[in-house]
Amino acid sequence: GLPTIAQQTDDFIITNTGNVGIGTITPN
């Protein structure tokens, strides 16, 4: 499943559309 909001606070992600998120896994 998806990490909770609290669990995302330390995360770094690059989505398949090229967006970069720091502290979120759904960068827009």
PDB file of all heavy atoms in Angstrom:
ATOM      1  N   GLY A   1       0.816  -1.211   0.000  1.00  0.00           N
ATOM      2  CA  GLY A   1       0.000   0.000   0.000  1.00  0.00           C
ATOM      3  C   GLY A   1       0.853   1.265   0.000  1.00  0.00           C
ATOM      4  O   GLY A   1       2.085   1.217  -0.092  1.00  0.00           O
ATOM      5  N   LEU A   2       0.185   2.398   0.099  1.00  0.00           N
ATOM      6  CA  LEU A   2       0.884   3.679   0.097  1.00  0.00           C
ATOM      7  C   LEU A   2       1.389   4.037   1.486  1.00  0.00           C
ATOM      8  O   LEU A   2       0.698   3.793   2.488  1.00  0.00           O
ATOM      9  CB  LEU A   2      -0.057   4.790  -0.394  1.00  0.00           C
ATOM     10  CG  LEU A   2      -0.537   4.708  -1.845  1.00  0.00           C
ATOM     11  CD1 LEU A   2      -1.509   5.835  -2.133  1.00  0.00           C
ATOM     12  CD2 LEU A   2       0.648   4.742  -2.808  1.00  0.00           C
ATOM     13  N   PRO A   3       2.583   4.607   1.594  1.00  0.00           N
ATOM     14  CA  PRO A   3       3.056   5.095   2.887  1.00  0.00           C
ATOM     15  C   PRO A   3       2.124   6.195   3.402  1.00  0.00           C
ATOM     16  O   PRO A   3       1.518   6.944   2.627  1.00  0.00           O
ATOM     17  CB  PRO A   3       4.449   5.658   2.579  1.00  0.00           C
ATOM     18  CG  PRO A   3       4.850   5.031   1.281  1.00  0.00           C
ATOM     19  CD  PRO A   3       3.579   4.817   0.515  1.00  0.00           C
ATOM     20  N   THR A   4       2.000   6.271   4.716  1.00  0.00           N
ATOM     21  CA  THR A   4       1.197   7.337   5.303  1.00  0.00           C
ATOM     22  C   THR A   4       1.905   8.683   5.120  1.00  0.00           C
ATOM     23  O   THR A   4       3.092   8.756   4.785  1.00  0.00           O
ATOM     24  CB  THR A   4       0.970   7.081   6.795  1.00  0.00           C
ATOM     25  OG1 THR A   4       2.235   7.165   7.474  1.00  0.00           O
ATOM     26  CG2 THR A   4       0.353   5.701   7.033  1.00  0.00           C
ATOM     27  N   ILE A   5       1.166   9.784   5.341  1.00  0.00           N
ATOM     28  CA  ILE A   5       1.755  11.122   5.249  1.00  0.00           C
ATOM     29  C   ILE A   5       2.949  11.240   6.184  1.00  0.00           C
ATOM     30  O   ILE A   5       3.999  11.787   5.823  1.00  0.00           O
ATOM     31  CB  ILE A   5       0.698  12.202   5.564  1.00  0.00           C
ATOM     32  CG1 ILE A   5      -0.454  12.146   4.552  1.00  0.00           C
ATOM     33  CG2 ILE A   5       1.335  13.578   5.579  1.00  0.00           C
ATOM     34  CD1 ILE A   5      -0.033  12.418   3.129  1.00  0.00           C
ATOM     35  N   ALA A   6       2.821  10.720   7.403  1.00  0.00           N
ATOM     36  CA  ALA A   6       3.918  10.798   8.372  1.00  0.00           C
ATOM     37  C   ALA A   6       5.131  10.012   7.900  1.00  0.00           C
ATOM     38  O   ALA A   6       6.283  10.415   8.114  1.00  0.00           O
ATOM     39  CB  ALA A   6       3.454  10.303   9.732  1.00  0.00           C
ATOM     40  N   GLN A   7       4.888   8.854   7.241  1.00  0.00           N
ATOM     41  CA  GLN A   7       6.004   8.039   6.762  1.00  0.00           C
ATOM     42  C   GLN A   7       6.713   8.683   5.570  1.00  0.00           C
ATOM     43  O   GLN A   7       7.902   8.414   5.327  1.00  0.00           O
ATOM     44  CB  GLN A   7       5.487   6.654   6.363  1.00  0.00           C
ATOM     45  CG  GLN A   7       5.027   5.801   7.532  1.00  0.00           C
ATOM     46  CD  GLN A   7       4.317   4.535   7.081  1.00  0.00           C
ATOM     47  OE1 GLN A   7       3.802   4.449   5.961  1.00  0.00           O
ATOM     48  NE2 GLN A   7       4.259   3.541   7.978  1.00  0.00           N
ATOM     49  N   GLN A   8       6.026   9.554   4.840  1.00  0.00           N
ATOM     50  CA  GLN A   8       6.618  10.173   3.653  1.00  0.00           C
ATOM     51  C   GLN A   8       7.540  11.343   3.966  1.00  0.00           C
ATOM     52  O   GLN A   8       8.282  11.810   3.090  1.00  0.00           O
ATOM     53  CB  GLN A   8       5.507  10.686   2.724  1.00  0.00           C
ATOM     54  CG  GLN A   8       4.620   9.620   2.149  1.00  0.00           C
ATOM     55  CD  GLN A   8       3.506  10.215   1.302  1.00  0.00           C
ATOM     56  OE1 GLN A   8       3.702  11.219   0.618  1.00  0.00           O
ATOM     57  NE2 GLN A   8       2.319   9.588   1.328  1.00  0.00           N
ATOM     58  N   THR A   9       7.545  11.837   5.198  1.00  0.00           N
ATOM     59  CA  THR A   9       8.241  13.098   5.495  1.00  0.00           C
ATOM     60  C   THR A   9       9.739  13.038   5.213  1.00  0.00           C
ATOM     61  O   THR A   9      10.380  14.064   4.982  1.00  0.00           O
ATOM     62  CB  THR A   9       8.015  13.497   6.959  1.00  0.00           C
ATOM     63  OG1 THR A   9       8.452  12.424   7.811  1.00  0.00           O
ATOM     64  CG2 THR A   9       6.541  13.800   7.216  1.00  0.00           C
ATOM     65  N   ASP A  10      10.333  11.835   5.241  1.00  0.00           N
ATOM     66  CA  ASP A  10      11.777  11.719   4.987  1.00  0.00           C
ATOM     67  C   ASP A  10      12.073  11.150   3.602  1.00  0.00           C
ATOM     68  O   ASP A  10      13.240  10.960   3.244  1.00  0.00           O
ATOM     69  CB  ASP A  10      12.423  10.818   6.044  1.00  0.00           C
ATOM     70  CG  ASP A  10      11.902   9.384   5.958  1.00  0.00           C
ATOM     71  OD1 ASP A  10      10.672   9.214   6.086  1.00  0.00           O
ATOM     72  OD2 ASP A  10      12.703   8.460   5.745  1.00  0.00           O
ATOM     73  N   ASP A  11      11.030  10.912   2.782  1.00  0.00           N
ATOM     74  CA  ASP A  11      11.223  10.204   1.512  1.00  0.00           C
ATOM     75  C   ASP A  11      11.690  11.123   0.382  1.00  0.00           C
ATOM     76  O   ASP A  11      11.421  12.335   0.383  1.00  0.00           O
ATOM     77  CB  ASP A  11       9.917   9.521   1.084  1.00  0.00           C
ATOM     78  CG  ASP A  11       9.596   8.301   1.935  1.00  0.00           C
ATOM     79  OD1 ASP A  11      10.255   8.137   2.974  1.00  0.00           O
ATOM     80  OD2 ASP A  11       8.687   7.547   1.561  1.00  0.00           O
ATOM     81  N   PHE A  12      12.368  10.501  -0.572  1.00  0.00           N
ATOM     82  CA  PHE A  12      12.778  11.152  -1.822  1.00  0.00           C
ATOM     83  C   PHE A  12      12.295  10.272  -2.964  1.00  0.00           C
ATOM     84  O   PHE A  12      12.494   9.049  -2.939  1.00  0.00           O
ATOM     85  CB  PHE A  12      14.294  11.308  -1.882  1.00  0.00           C
ATOM     86  CG  PHE A  12      14.813  11.769  -3.215  1.00  0.00           C
ATOM     87  CD1 PHE A  12      14.887  13.120  -3.513  1.00  0.00           C
ATOM     88  CD2 PHE A  12      15.210  10.846  -4.181  1.00  0.00           C
ATOM     89  CE1 PHE A  12      15.360  13.551  -4.756  1.00  0.00           C
ATOM     90  CE2 PHE A  12      15.678  11.263  -5.425  1.00  0.00           C
ATOM     91  CZ  PHE A  12      15.749  12.622  -5.710  1.00  0.00           C
ATOM     92  N   ILE A  13      11.663  10.908  -3.980  1.00  0.00           N
ATOM     93  CA  ILE A  13      11.116  10.109  -5.065  1.00  0.00           C
ATOM     94  C   ILE A  13      11.286  10.817  -6.403  1.00  0.00           C
ATOM     95  O   ILE A  13      11.259  12.059  -6.473  1.00  0.00           O
ATOM     96  CB  ILE A  13       9.624   9.803  -4.811  1.00  0.00           C
ATOM     97  CG1 ILE A  13       9.150   8.661  -5.711  1.00  0.00           C
ATOM     98  CG2 ILE A  13       8.759  11.048  -4.988  1.00  0.00           C
ATOM     99  CD1 ILE A  13       7.769   8.130  -5.333  1.00  0.00           C
ATOM    100  N   ILE A  14      11.507  10.022  -7.441  1.00  0.00           N
ATOM    101  CA  ILE A  14      11.413  10.491  -8.822  1.00  0.00           C
ATOM    102  C   ILE A  14      10.317   9.671  -9.469  1.00  0.00           C
ATOM    103  O   ILE A  14      10.410   8.432  -9.539  1.00  0.00           O
ATOM    104  CB  ILE A  14      12.726  10.323  -9.588  1.00  0.00           C
ATOM    105  CG1 ILE A  14      13.861  11.115  -8.920  1.00  0.00           C
ATOM    106  CG2 ILE A  14      12.565  10.797 -11.035  1.00  0.00           C
ATOM    107  CD1 ILE A  14      15.209  10.922  -9.573  1.00  0.00           C
ATOM    108  N   THR A  15       9.259  10.338  -9.933  1.00  0.00           N
ATOM    109  CA  THR A  15       8.127   9.623 -10.501  1.00  0.00           C
ATOM    110  C   THR A  15       8.410   9.254 -11.951  1.00  0.00           C
ATOM    111  O   THR A  15       9.378   9.721 -12.561  1.00  0.00           O
ATOM    112  CB  THR A  15       6.853  10.482 -10.430  1.00  0.00           C
ATOM    113  OG1 THR A  15       6.986  11.583 -11.339  1.00  0.00           O
ATOM    114  CG2 THR A  15       6.622  10.998  -9.015  1.00  0.00           C
ATOM    115  N   ASN A  16       7.513   8.441 -12.528  1.00  0.00           N
ATOM    116  CA  ASN A  16       7.693   8.036 -13.919  1.00  0.00           C
ATOM    117  C   ASN A  16       7.400   9.164 -14.905  1.00  0.00           C
ATOM    118  O   ASN A  16       7.617   9.022 -16.102  1.00  0.00           O
ATOM    119  CB  ASN A  16       6.837   6.806 -14.241  1.00  0.00           C
ATOM    120  CG  ASN A  16       5.344   7.052 -13.990  1.00  0.00           C
ATOM    121  OD1 ASN A  16       4.936   8.160 -13.660  1.00  0.00           O
ATOM    122  ND2 ASN A  16       4.547   5.993 -14.130  1.00  0.00           N
ATOM    123  N   THR A  17       6.924  10.310 -14.416  1.00  0.00           N
ATOM    124  CA  THR A  17       6.752  11.499 -15.266  1.00  0.00           C
ATOM    125  C   THR A  17       7.917  12.478 -15.119  1.00  0.00           C
ATOM    126  O   THR A  17       7.918  13.538 -15.742  1.00  0.00           O
ATOM    127  CB  THR A  17       5.442  12.230 -14.928  1.00  0.00           C
ATOM    128  OG1 THR A  17       5.470  12.650 -13.562  1.00  0.00           O
ATOM    129  CG2 THR A  17       4.241  11.320 -15.176  1.00  0.00           C
ATOM    130  N   GLY A  18       8.884  12.144 -14.259  1.00  0.00           N
ATOM    131  CA  GLY A  18      10.056  12.988 -14.095  1.00  0.00           C
ATOM    132  C   GLY A  18       9.961  14.002 -12.977  1.00  0.00           C
ATOM    133  O   GLY A  18      10.902  14.785 -12.757  1.00  0.00           O
ATOM    134  N   ASN A  19       8.853  14.014 -12.251  1.00  0.00           N
ATOM    135  CA  ASN A  19       8.735  14.929 -11.114  1.00  0.00           C
ATOM    136  C   ASN A  19       9.556  14.416  -9.938  1.00  0.00           C
ATOM    137  O   ASN A  19       9.698  13.202  -9.742  1.00  0.00           O
ATOM    138  CB  ASN A  19       7.276  15.093 -10.686  1.00  0.00           C
ATOM    139  CG  ASN A  19       6.465  15.888 -11.695  1.00  0.00           C
ATOM    140  OD1 ASN A  19       7.022  16.468 -12.627  1.00  0.00           O
ATOM    141  ND2 ASN A  19       5.155  15.926 -11.509  1.00  0.00           N
ATOM    142  N   VAL A  20      10.089  15.359  -9.151  1.00  0.00           N
ATOM    143  CA  VAL A  20      10.918  15.025  -7.992  1.00  0.00           C
ATOM    144  C   VAL A  20      10.191  15.477  -6.731  1.00  0.00           C
ATOM    145  O   VAL A  20       9.732  16.633  -6.648  1.00  0.00           O
ATOM    146  CB  VAL A  20      12.301  15.700  -8.074  1.00  0.00           C
ATOM    147  CG1 VAL A  20      13.115  15.430  -6.806  1.00  0.00           C
ATOM    148  CG2 VAL A  20      13.057  15.219  -9.310  1.00  0.00           C
ATOM    149  N   GLY A  21      10.065  14.559  -5.783  1.00  0.00           N
ATOM    150  CA  GLY A  21       9.425  14.891  -4.523  1.00  0.00           C
ATOM    151  C   GLY A  21      10.362  14.686  -3.348  1.00  0.00           C
ATOM    152  O   GLY A  21      11.086  13.698  -3.279  1.00  0.00           O
ATOM    153  N   ILE A  22      10.355  15.640  -2.425  1.00  0.00           N
ATOM    154  CA  ILE A  22      11.101  15.530  -1.172  1.00  0.00           C
ATOM    155  C   ILE A  22      10.094  15.736  -0.054  1.00  0.00           C
ATOM    156  O   ILE A  22       9.462  16.794   0.031  1.00  0.00           O
ATOM    157  CB  ILE A  22      12.228  16.573  -1.080  1.00  0.00           C
ATOM    158  CG1 ILE A  22      13.219  16.400  -2.232  1.00  0.00           C
ATOM    159  CG2 ILE A  22      12.948  16.484   0.262  1.00  0.00           C
ATOM    160  CD1 ILE A  22      14.283  17.481  -2.300  1.00  0.00           C
ATOM    161  N   GLY A  23       9.888  14.718   0.770  1.00  0.00           N
ATOM    162  CA  GLY A  23       8.872  14.799   1.819  1.00  0.00           C
ATOM    163  C   GLY A  23       7.481  14.463   1.327  1.00  0.00           C
ATOM    164  O   GLY A  23       6.513  14.571   2.074  1.00  0.00           O
ATOM    165  N   THR A  24       7.364  14.057   0.080  1.00  0.00           N
ATOM    166  CA  THR A  24       6.096  13.622  -0.500  1.00  0.00           C
ATOM    167  C   THR A  24       6.389  12.620  -1.603  1.00  0.00           C
ATOM    168  O   THR A  24       7.401  12.731  -2.304  1.00  0.00           O
ATOM    169  CB  THR A  24       5.302  14.809  -1.069  1.00  0.00           C
ATOM    170  OG1 THR A  24       4.098  14.311  -1.691  1.00  0.00           O
ATOM    171  CG2 THR A  24       6.100  15.575  -2.107  1.00  0.00           C
ATOM    172  N   ILE A  25       5.494  11.643  -1.759  1.00  0.00           N
ATOM    173  CA  ILE A  25       5.683  10.670  -2.841  1.00  0.00           C
ATOM    174  C   ILE A  25       4.777  10.983  -4.031  1.00  0.00           C
ATOM    175  O   ILE A  25       4.747  10.228  -5.005  1.00  0.00           O
ATOM    176  CB  ILE A  25       5.426   9.227  -2.349  1.00  0.00           C
ATOM    177  CG1 ILE A  25       3.972   9.064  -1.905  1.00  0.00           C
ATOM    178  CG2 ILE A  25       6.394   8.846  -1.236  1.00  0.00           C
ATOM    179  CD1 ILE A  25       3.570   7.619  -1.670  1.00  0.00           C
ATOM    180  N   THR A  26       4.031  12.081  -3.945  1.00  0.00           N
ATOM    181  CA  THR A  26       3.144  12.473  -5.055  1.00  0.00           C
ATOM    182  C   THR A  26       3.444  13.903  -5.499  1.00  0.00           C
ATOM    183  O   THR A  26       2.583  14.785  -5.402  1.00  0.00           O
ATOM    184  CB  THR A  26       1.676  12.337  -4.632  1.00  0.00           C
ATOM    185  OG1 THR A  26       1.447  13.125  -3.442  1.00  0.00           O
ATOM    186  CG2 THR A  26       1.301  10.888  -4.396  1.00  0.00           C
ATOM    187  N   PRO A  27       4.663  14.161  -5.969  1.00  0.00           N
ATOM    188  CA  PRO A  27       4.985  15.528  -6.410  1.00  0.00           C
ATOM    189  C   PRO A  27       4.181  15.902  -7.655  1.00  0.00           C
ATOM    190  O   PRO A  27       4.063  15.101  -8.588  1.00  0.00           O
ATOM    191  CB  PRO A  27       6.482  15.454  -6.717  1.00  0.00           C
ATOM    192  CG  PRO A  27       6.725  14.015  -7.057  1.00  0.00           C
ATOM    193  CD  PRO A  27       5.789  13.236  -6.181  1.00  0.00           C
ATOM    194  N   ASN A  28       3.603  17.108  -7.657  1.00  0.00           N
ATOM    195  CA  ASN A  28       2.806  17.540  -8.811  1.00  0.00           C
ATOM    196  C   ASN A  28       3.486  18.650  -9.606  1.00  0.00           C
ATOM    197  O   ASN A  28       2.860  19.274 -10.459  1.00  0.00           O
ATOM    198  CB  ASN A  28       1.405  17.984  -8.370  1.00  0.00           C
ATOM    199  CG  ASN A  28       1.452  18.993  -7.241  1.00  0.00           C
ATOM    200  OD1 ASN A  28       2.415  19.736  -7.096  1.00  0.00           O
ATOM    201  ND2 ASN A  28       0.406  18.996  -6.423  1.00  0.00           N
TER     202      ASN A  28
END
